[in-house]
Amino acid sequence: MAVEDLIGRRPVDIKVDEIAGYIKGKRVLVTGAGGSIGSELCRQIVQFSPAELIMLDHDETGLQQTQISITGRGLLAGRDTVLASIRDGAALQEIFQDRCPEVVFHAAALKHAPLLQQYPVEAWKTNVLGTLNVLRAAERSGVSHFVNISTDKAANPTTALGHSKRVAEKLAAWMAGQTGRKFVSVRFGNVMGSRGSMLPLFTEQIRVGGPVTVTDPDVTRFFMTIPEACQLVIQAGAIGRGGEVMILDMGEPVKILDVAQRMIAMSGKKVDIIYTGLRPGEKLHEELVGTGELDERPLHPKISHTRAHEQDPAGLDLNVWLARCEAEQGLDIESIPDDEADEPGESIRAAAS
């Protein structure tokens, strides 16, 4: 089945090759390079002739698979692959000082919402403090373009995942304000075919004869393809202004039930669908633009520009953040002021331990 049949629209062509000149001849570093988004980013970046592509991840197998997809070899013996965790700030500082990247795409993150609801501190350590580590290393080594990959769950967040990515957007905006450089974020909906996404899950459930699990018959989500997502990331580095959040217009939201039914029909099998219920903090309908955020499209009709509030890392407080995550499960997020999320508190060093 063609992807446009699943997501209800043709993939957007944003002509990234016309504006990706900031990559040519530059040293480019990608965090999370072993993941589905990070690996596709690497494959697209090499087409724009960077001086050097530095692929960083803590997943050695993922790194090898990305290297194979680009070079045809998986020797892991060159300087193109770097094994490190974004939780290790000291290691990142050494890597950035040694390799001196000029452009950074930050794709490394924890992203499974139900699991992070059970272990929110892990979301904090990776998505918040890990992002801060990458931002600080980028600032100190003189990175000129920094693109932080976010999620639509950061718009009016109700889950630990959404809240952690929301703070990451604010930290990127703060660093943009501190440096005057192009530090921006890109907000995605669901990415078709990415690891852990709905498409491979439904495919496997159908393969084994079902049942296919859908949380609610009315639940909807925004969808984009992996190439679309990565094109937007690259374009954001060119057209985004420091502190902005870029959002792709992904058309109308798609009913998950419709996708499941289409995939079952295409398989030719008789497979049951069961409803498992929305999980804690999970929305029936996702949003792309949060309450009070602008939706401006000054440069491309399919790309919105909004701004994130700046978050000084000195004001990060794990306990305040955890309390907010817990309090907002199932609540109307619009009723809670956004600036209550990140009040000053105890040192973030204690939270990282």
Protein backbone atom coordinates (compact mmCIF):
# COMPACT_ATOMS: atom_id res chain seq x y z
CA MET A 1 0.00 0.00 0.00
CA ALA A 2 1.30 3.45 -0.91
CA VAL A 3 2.07 5.66 2.06
CA GLU A 4 -0.34 8.34 0.78
CA ASP A 5 -3.15 5.79 1.12
CA LEU A 6 -2.24 5.27 4.77
CA ILE A 7 -1.77 8.91 5.79
CA GLY A 8 -4.47 10.34 3.53
CA ARG A 9 -2.24 12.78 1.61
CA ARG A 10 0.75 12.95 -0.68
CA PRO A 11 4.11 13.43 1.07
CA VAL A 12 5.17 17.08 1.09
CA ASP A 13 8.08 18.02 -1.16
CA ILE A 14 9.88 20.87 0.58
CA LYS A 15 12.74 21.05 -1.97
CA VAL A 16 15.44 20.69 0.65
CA ASP A 17 18.19 20.52 -1.98
CA GLU A 18 17.60 24.19 -2.81
CA ILE A 19 18.48 25.47 0.67
CA ALA A 20 20.89 22.93 2.20
CA GLY A 21 24.03 24.85 1.24
CA TYR A 22 24.90 25.40 4.90
CA ILE A 23 25.87 21.71 5.05
CA LYS A 24 28.24 21.60 2.07
CA GLY A 25 31.86 21.59 3.15
CA LYS A 26 30.96 21.64 6.87
CA ARG A 27 31.64 19.21 9.71
CA VAL A 28 28.25 17.79 10.63
CA LEU A 29 27.44 15.76 13.76
CA VAL A 30 24.25 13.73 14.26
CA THR A 31 23.28 12.41 17.69
CA GLY A 32 21.07 9.33 17.75
CA ALA A 33 22.58 8.35 14.40
CA GLY A 34 21.69 4.71 14.93
CA GLY A 35 17.95 5.40 15.19
CA SER A 36 15.37 5.49 12.42
CA ILE A 37 15.31 9.29 12.16
CA GLY A 38 19.02 9.78 12.85
CA SER A 39 20.07 7.19 10.29
CA GLU A 40 17.88 8.67 7.55
CA LEU A 41 19.24 12.10 8.42
CA CYS A 42 22.77 10.78 7.89
CA ARG A 43 21.83 9.25 4.53
CA GLN A 44 20.34 12.54 3.36
CA ILE A 45 23.19 14.68 4.73
CA VAL A 46 25.88 12.82 2.78
CA GLN A 47 24.14 13.87 -0.44
CA PHE A 48 24.98 17.51 0.33
CA SER A 49 28.75 16.91 0.47
CA PRO A 50 29.67 17.74 4.07
CA ALA A 51 33.37 17.96 4.83
CA GLU A 52 32.79 15.29 7.46
CA LEU A 53 29.81 13.38 8.83
CA ILE A 54 30.14 12.36 12.50
CA MET A 55 27.57 9.75 13.56
CA LEU A 56 27.16 9.54 17.35
CA ASP A 57 25.10 7.03 19.30
CA HIS A 58 25.33 4.78 22.36
CA ASP A 59 23.82 1.89 20.35
CA GLU A 60 26.75 0.21 18.60
CA THR A 61 24.53 -2.06 16.50
CA GLY A 62 22.44 0.88 15.33
CA LEU A 63 25.61 2.76 14.39
CA GLN A 64 26.86 -0.19 12.39
CA GLN A 65 23.57 -0.50 10.50
CA THR A 66 23.67 3.20 9.62
CA GLN A 67 27.27 2.93 8.47
CA ILE A 68 26.43 -0.07 6.29
CA SER A 69 23.51 1.78 4.70
CA ILE A 70 25.82 4.65 3.70
CA THR A 71 29.17 3.01 2.90
CA GLY A 72 28.26 -0.61 2.28
CA ARG A 73 30.60 -1.59 5.08
CA GLY A 74 30.16 -1.92 8.82
CA LEU A 75 33.73 -2.04 10.05
CA LEU A 76 33.21 0.63 12.75
CA ALA A 77 36.91 1.39 12.51
CA GLY A 78 36.89 4.95 11.18
CA ARG A 79 36.22 8.37 12.63
CA ASP A 80 32.73 8.58 11.13
CA THR A 81 31.21 6.59 14.02
CA VAL A 82 31.42 7.73 17.65
CA LEU A 83 30.19 5.63 20.56
CA ALA A 84 28.94 7.84 23.40
CA SER A 85 25.87 8.60 25.49
CA ILE A 86 24.40 12.09 25.54
CA ARG A 87 23.97 11.59 29.30
CA ASP A 88 27.76 11.81 29.63
CA GLY A 89 28.47 15.53 29.48
CA ALA A 90 32.21 15.17 29.96
CA ALA A 91 32.51 12.70 27.09
CA LEU A 92 30.51 15.00 24.81
CA GLN A 93 32.76 17.94 25.66
CA GLU A 94 35.83 15.93 24.68
CA ILE A 95 34.24 14.74 21.45
CA PHE A 96 33.08 18.21 20.40
CA GLN A 97 36.46 19.76 21.24
CA ASP A 98 38.26 17.08 19.24
CA ARG A 99 35.98 16.99 16.19
CA CYS A 100 34.83 20.65 16.12
CA PRO A 101 31.44 20.14 14.44
CA GLU A 102 29.93 23.20 12.79
CA VAL A 103 26.39 21.84 12.32
CA VAL A 104 24.58 19.55 14.80
CA PHE A 105 21.37 17.58 14.37
CA HIS A 106 20.18 16.31 17.75
CA ALA A 107 18.04 13.22 17.20
CA ALA A 108 19.00 11.19 20.30
CA ALA A 109 16.06 10.75 22.68
CA LEU A 110 13.85 8.36 24.56
CA LYS A 111 10.49 8.37 22.81
CA HIS A 112 8.15 5.59 24.00
CA ALA A 113 5.44 7.47 25.90
CA PRO A 114 3.91 4.57 27.91
CA LEU A 115 7.31 3.40 29.18
CA LEU A 116 8.40 6.91 30.08
CA GLN A 117 5.16 7.35 32.04
CA GLN A 118 6.40 4.54 34.27
CA TYR A 119 9.98 5.84 34.38
CA PRO A 120 9.76 9.63 34.01
CA VAL A 121 13.18 10.25 35.57
CA GLU A 122 14.70 8.42 32.60
CA ALA A 123 12.96 10.88 30.28
CA TRP A 124 14.43 13.72 32.37
CA LYS A 125 17.96 12.28 32.27
CA THR A 126 18.02 11.75 28.51
CA ASN A 127 15.59 14.19 26.92
CA VAL A 128 16.23 17.11 29.28
CA LEU A 129 19.71 16.77 30.78
CA GLY A 130 21.07 14.89 27.76
CA THR A 131 19.86 17.66 25.47
CA LEU A 132 21.43 20.22 27.79
CA ASN A 133 24.74 18.34 27.57
CA VAL A 134 24.65 18.46 23.77
CA LEU A 135 23.68 22.14 23.77
CA ARG A 136 26.52 23.07 26.12
CA ALA A 137 29.08 21.11 24.11
CA ALA A 138 27.79 22.75 20.92
CA GLU A 139 27.97 26.22 22.43
CA ARG A 140 31.53 25.78 23.70
CA SER A 141 32.83 24.36 20.42
CA GLY A 142 31.31 27.14 18.30
CA VAL A 143 28.53 25.23 16.51
CA SER A 144 26.70 27.68 14.21
CA HIS A 145 23.58 25.62 13.37
CA PHE A 146 21.83 23.34 15.89
CA VAL A 147 18.57 21.53 15.14
CA ASN A 148 16.80 19.83 18.07
CA ILE A 149 14.26 17.18 17.07
CA SER A 150 11.07 17.45 19.09
CA THR A 151 7.55 15.98 18.92
CA ASP A 152 3.94 17.11 18.65
CA LYS A 153 3.55 15.75 22.18
CA ALA A 154 5.46 18.85 23.33
CA ALA A 155 2.46 20.98 22.33
CA ASN A 156 0.24 21.25 25.43
CA PRO A 157 2.07 18.25 26.97
CA THR A 158 0.27 15.70 29.14
CA THR A 159 2.89 12.93 29.33
CA ALA A 160 6.42 12.63 30.66
CA LEU A 161 7.62 12.33 27.07
CA GLY A 162 5.82 15.50 26.02
CA HIS A 163 6.97 17.44 29.08
CA SER A 164 10.59 16.36 28.64
CA LYS A 165 10.64 17.38 24.98
CA ARG A 166 8.91 20.66 25.83
CA VAL A 167 11.73 21.54 28.23
CA ALA A 168 14.27 20.52 25.57
CA GLU A 169 12.67 23.04 23.18
CA LYS A 170 12.94 25.73 25.85
CA LEU A 171 16.59 24.91 26.53
CA ALA A 172 17.40 25.17 22.81
CA ALA A 173 15.62 28.54 22.70
CA TRP A 174 17.58 29.72 25.76
CA MET A 175 20.87 28.72 24.15
CA ALA A 176 19.86 30.56 20.98
CA GLY A 177 19.29 33.67 23.07
CA GLN A 178 22.64 33.26 24.82
CA THR A 179 24.67 32.72 21.65
CA GLY A 180 22.76 34.55 18.93
CA ARG A 181 23.22 31.45 16.77
CA LYS A 182 20.73 29.32 14.82
CA PHE A 183 19.60 26.94 17.55
CA VAL A 184 16.10 25.75 16.58
CA SER A 185 13.70 22.86 17.20
CA VAL A 186 11.57 20.81 14.83
CA ARG A 187 8.26 19.34 16.01
CA PHE A 188 7.03 16.09 14.41
CA GLY A 189 3.86 14.05 14.46
CA ASN A 190 4.07 10.27 14.26
CA VAL A 191 6.69 9.07 11.79
CA MET A 192 5.52 6.18 9.63
CA GLY A 193 7.93 3.25 9.77
CA SER A 194 10.17 4.55 12.55
CA ARG A 195 11.29 2.07 15.19
CA GLY A 196 8.49 1.38 17.64
CA SER A 197 5.89 3.22 15.55
CA MET A 198 2.43 2.01 14.64
CA LEU A 199 3.22 0.72 11.13
CA PRO A 200 5.74 -2.03 12.04
CA LEU A 201 3.60 -2.94 15.07
CA PHE A 202 0.45 -3.45 12.99
CA THR A 203 2.45 -5.29 10.32
CA GLU A 204 3.75 -7.79 12.87
CA GLN A 205 0.35 -8.19 14.54
CA ILE A 206 -1.24 -8.92 11.17
CA ARG A 207 1.56 -11.33 10.23
CA VAL A 208 0.92 -13.50 13.30
CA GLY A 209 -2.85 -13.43 12.78
CA GLY A 210 -3.78 -10.70 15.22
CA PRO A 211 -5.36 -9.24 17.07
CA VAL A 212 -4.44 -5.71 16.03
CA THR A 213 -4.52 -3.40 19.05
CA VAL A 214 -5.98 0.11 18.84
CA THR A 215 -6.34 2.25 21.94
CA ASP A 216 -9.69 3.83 21.04
CA PRO A 217 -11.94 3.73 17.94
CA ASP A 218 -11.86 7.53 17.70
CA VAL A 219 -8.17 8.18 18.37
CA THR A 220 -6.39 10.23 15.69
CA ARG A 221 -2.78 11.13 15.00
CA PHE A 222 -0.76 13.26 12.58
CA PHE A 223 1.57 11.31 10.32
CA MET A 224 4.60 11.96 8.18
CA THR A 225 7.12 9.77 6.40
CA ILE A 226 10.72 9.33 7.53
CA PRO A 227 12.09 11.16 4.45
CA GLU A 228 9.63 14.04 5.04
CA ALA A 229 10.71 14.30 8.66
CA CYS A 230 14.39 14.40 7.78
CA GLN A 231 13.89 16.90 4.95
CA LEU A 232 12.16 19.20 7.43
CA VAL A 233 15.04 18.85 9.87
CA ILE A 234 17.57 19.84 7.22
CA GLN A 235 15.43 22.70 5.93
CA ALA A 236 14.85 23.99 9.47
CA GLY A 237 18.58 24.47 9.86
CA ALA A 238 18.49 26.85 6.91
CA ILE A 239 15.28 28.84 7.37
CA GLY A 240 14.76 28.67 11.14
CA ARG A 241 15.64 31.69 13.26
CA GLY A 242 17.28 31.16 16.64
CA GLY A 243 14.78 30.04 19.28
CA GLU A 244 12.08 29.02 16.82
CA VAL A 245 10.13 25.76 16.66
CA MET A 246 9.36 24.56 13.13
CA ILE A 247 6.25 22.46 12.46
CA LEU A 248 5.33 20.63 9.24
CA ASP A 249 1.74 20.90 8.04
CA MET A 250 0.80 17.22 7.95
CA GLY A 251 -2.75 17.69 6.71
CA GLU A 252 -5.74 16.39 8.58
CA PRO A 253 -5.23 13.95 11.48
CA VAL A 254 -5.76 10.31 10.57
CA LYS A 255 -7.88 7.82 12.51
CA ILE A 256 -5.72 4.96 13.75
CA LEU A 257 -8.63 2.59 13.24
CA ASP A 258 -8.79 3.51 9.55
CA VAL A 259 -5.10 2.71 9.12
CA ALA A 260 -5.51 -0.65 10.88
CA GLN A 261 -8.50 -1.56 8.73
CA ARG A 262 -6.70 -0.60 5.51
CA MET A 263 -3.65 -2.66 6.42
CA ILE A 264 -5.78 -5.68 7.33
CA ALA A 265 -7.71 -5.40 4.06
CA MET A 266 -4.46 -5.24 2.07
CA SER A 267 -3.16 -8.37 3.83
CA GLY A 268 -6.14 -10.44 2.71
CA LYS A 269 -6.32 -11.99 6.18
CA LYS A 270 -9.16 -12.11 8.65
CA VAL A 271 -7.75 -10.33 11.68
CA ASP A 272 -9.63 -8.99 14.70
CA ILE A 273 -9.19 -5.49 16.11
CA ILE A 274 -9.39 -4.98 19.87
CA TYR A 275 -9.49 -1.74 21.83
CA THR A 276 -7.09 -1.40 24.74
CA GLY A 277 -8.08 2.05 26.06
CA LEU A 278 -6.09 5.28 26.23
CA ARG A 279 -3.05 5.06 28.46
CA PRO A 280 -2.30 7.51 31.31
CA GLY A 281 -1.81 11.02 29.94
CA GLU A 282 -2.51 9.93 26.36
CA LYS A 283 -4.62 12.29 24.26
CA LEU A 284 -7.47 11.25 22.00
CA HIS A 285 -6.31 13.88 19.49
CA GLU A 286 -2.78 15.29 19.30
CA GLU A 287 -1.99 18.95 18.63
CA LEU A 288 0.83 20.51 16.67
CA VAL A 289 0.64 24.10 17.92
CA GLY A 290 0.22 24.68 21.65
CA THR A 291 -2.10 27.11 23.40
CA GLY A 292 -0.79 30.65 23.05
CA GLU A 293 1.72 29.70 20.35
CA LEU A 294 1.75 31.51 17.02
CA ASP A 295 1.31 29.70 13.70
CA GLU A 296 3.26 31.84 11.23
CA ARG A 297 4.37 30.65 7.78
CA PRO A 298 6.65 33.37 6.45
CA LEU A 299 8.83 31.26 4.17
CA HIS A 300 7.03 28.05 3.21
CA PRO A 301 3.26 27.36 3.06
CA LYS A 302 3.70 23.95 4.67
CA ILE A 303 6.08 24.94 7.49
CA SER A 304 4.87 26.82 10.55
CA HIS A 305 7.14 28.93 12.75
CA THR A 306 6.43 29.42 16.43
CA ARG A 307 8.67 30.23 19.38
CA ALA A 308 9.50 28.40 22.58
CA HIS A 309 9.82 30.20 25.92
CA GLU A 310 13.44 30.28 27.02
CA GLN A 311 14.40 28.04 29.94
CA ASP A 312 17.52 28.95 31.89
CA PRO A 313 19.03 25.60 32.97
CA ALA A 314 19.80 27.10 36.38
CA GLY A 315 16.05 27.01 37.02
CA LEU A 316 15.51 23.34 36.22
CA ASP A 317 13.95 21.37 39.08
CA LEU A 318 13.26 17.67 38.75
CA ASN A 319 10.75 17.61 41.62
CA VAL A 320 8.69 20.47 40.18
CA TRP A 321 8.78 18.82 36.78
CA LEU A 322 7.68 15.43 38.15
CA ALA A 323 4.83 17.04 40.08
CA ARG A 324 3.63 18.80 36.96
CA CYS A 325 3.76 15.59 34.91
CA GLU A 326 1.69 13.76 37.52
CA ALA A 327 -0.80 16.58 38.05
CA GLU A 328 -1.64 17.00 34.38
CA GLN A 329 -2.55 13.43 33.54
CA GLY A 330 -6.09 13.63 32.29
CA LEU A 331 -6.44 17.36 33.03
CA ASP A 332 -7.24 20.17 30.61
CA ILE A 333 -3.74 21.46 29.92
CA GLU A 334 -5.09 24.83 28.77
CA SER A 335 -6.13 25.62 32.34
CA ILE A 336 -2.57 25.47 33.66
CA PRO A 337 -0.15 28.35 32.91
CA ASP A 338 2.82 27.18 30.89
CA ASP A 339 5.33 29.21 32.88
CA GLU A 340 4.70 27.10 35.97
CA ALA A 341 6.55 24.19 34.39
CA ASP A 342 10.12 25.14 35.12
CA GLU A 343 10.40 27.19 38.28
CA PRO A 344 13.80 27.55 39.98
CA GLY A 345 14.67 24.84 42.43
CA GLU A 346 17.35 22.42 43.47
CA SER A 347 20.43 21.86 41.39
CA ILE A 348 20.04 19.81 38.22
CA ARG A 349 23.23 17.99 39.20
CA ALA A 350 21.30 16.20 41.93
CA ALA A 351 18.63 15.20 39.43
CA ALA A 352 21.20 13.66 37.13
CA SER A 353 22.67 11.39 39.75
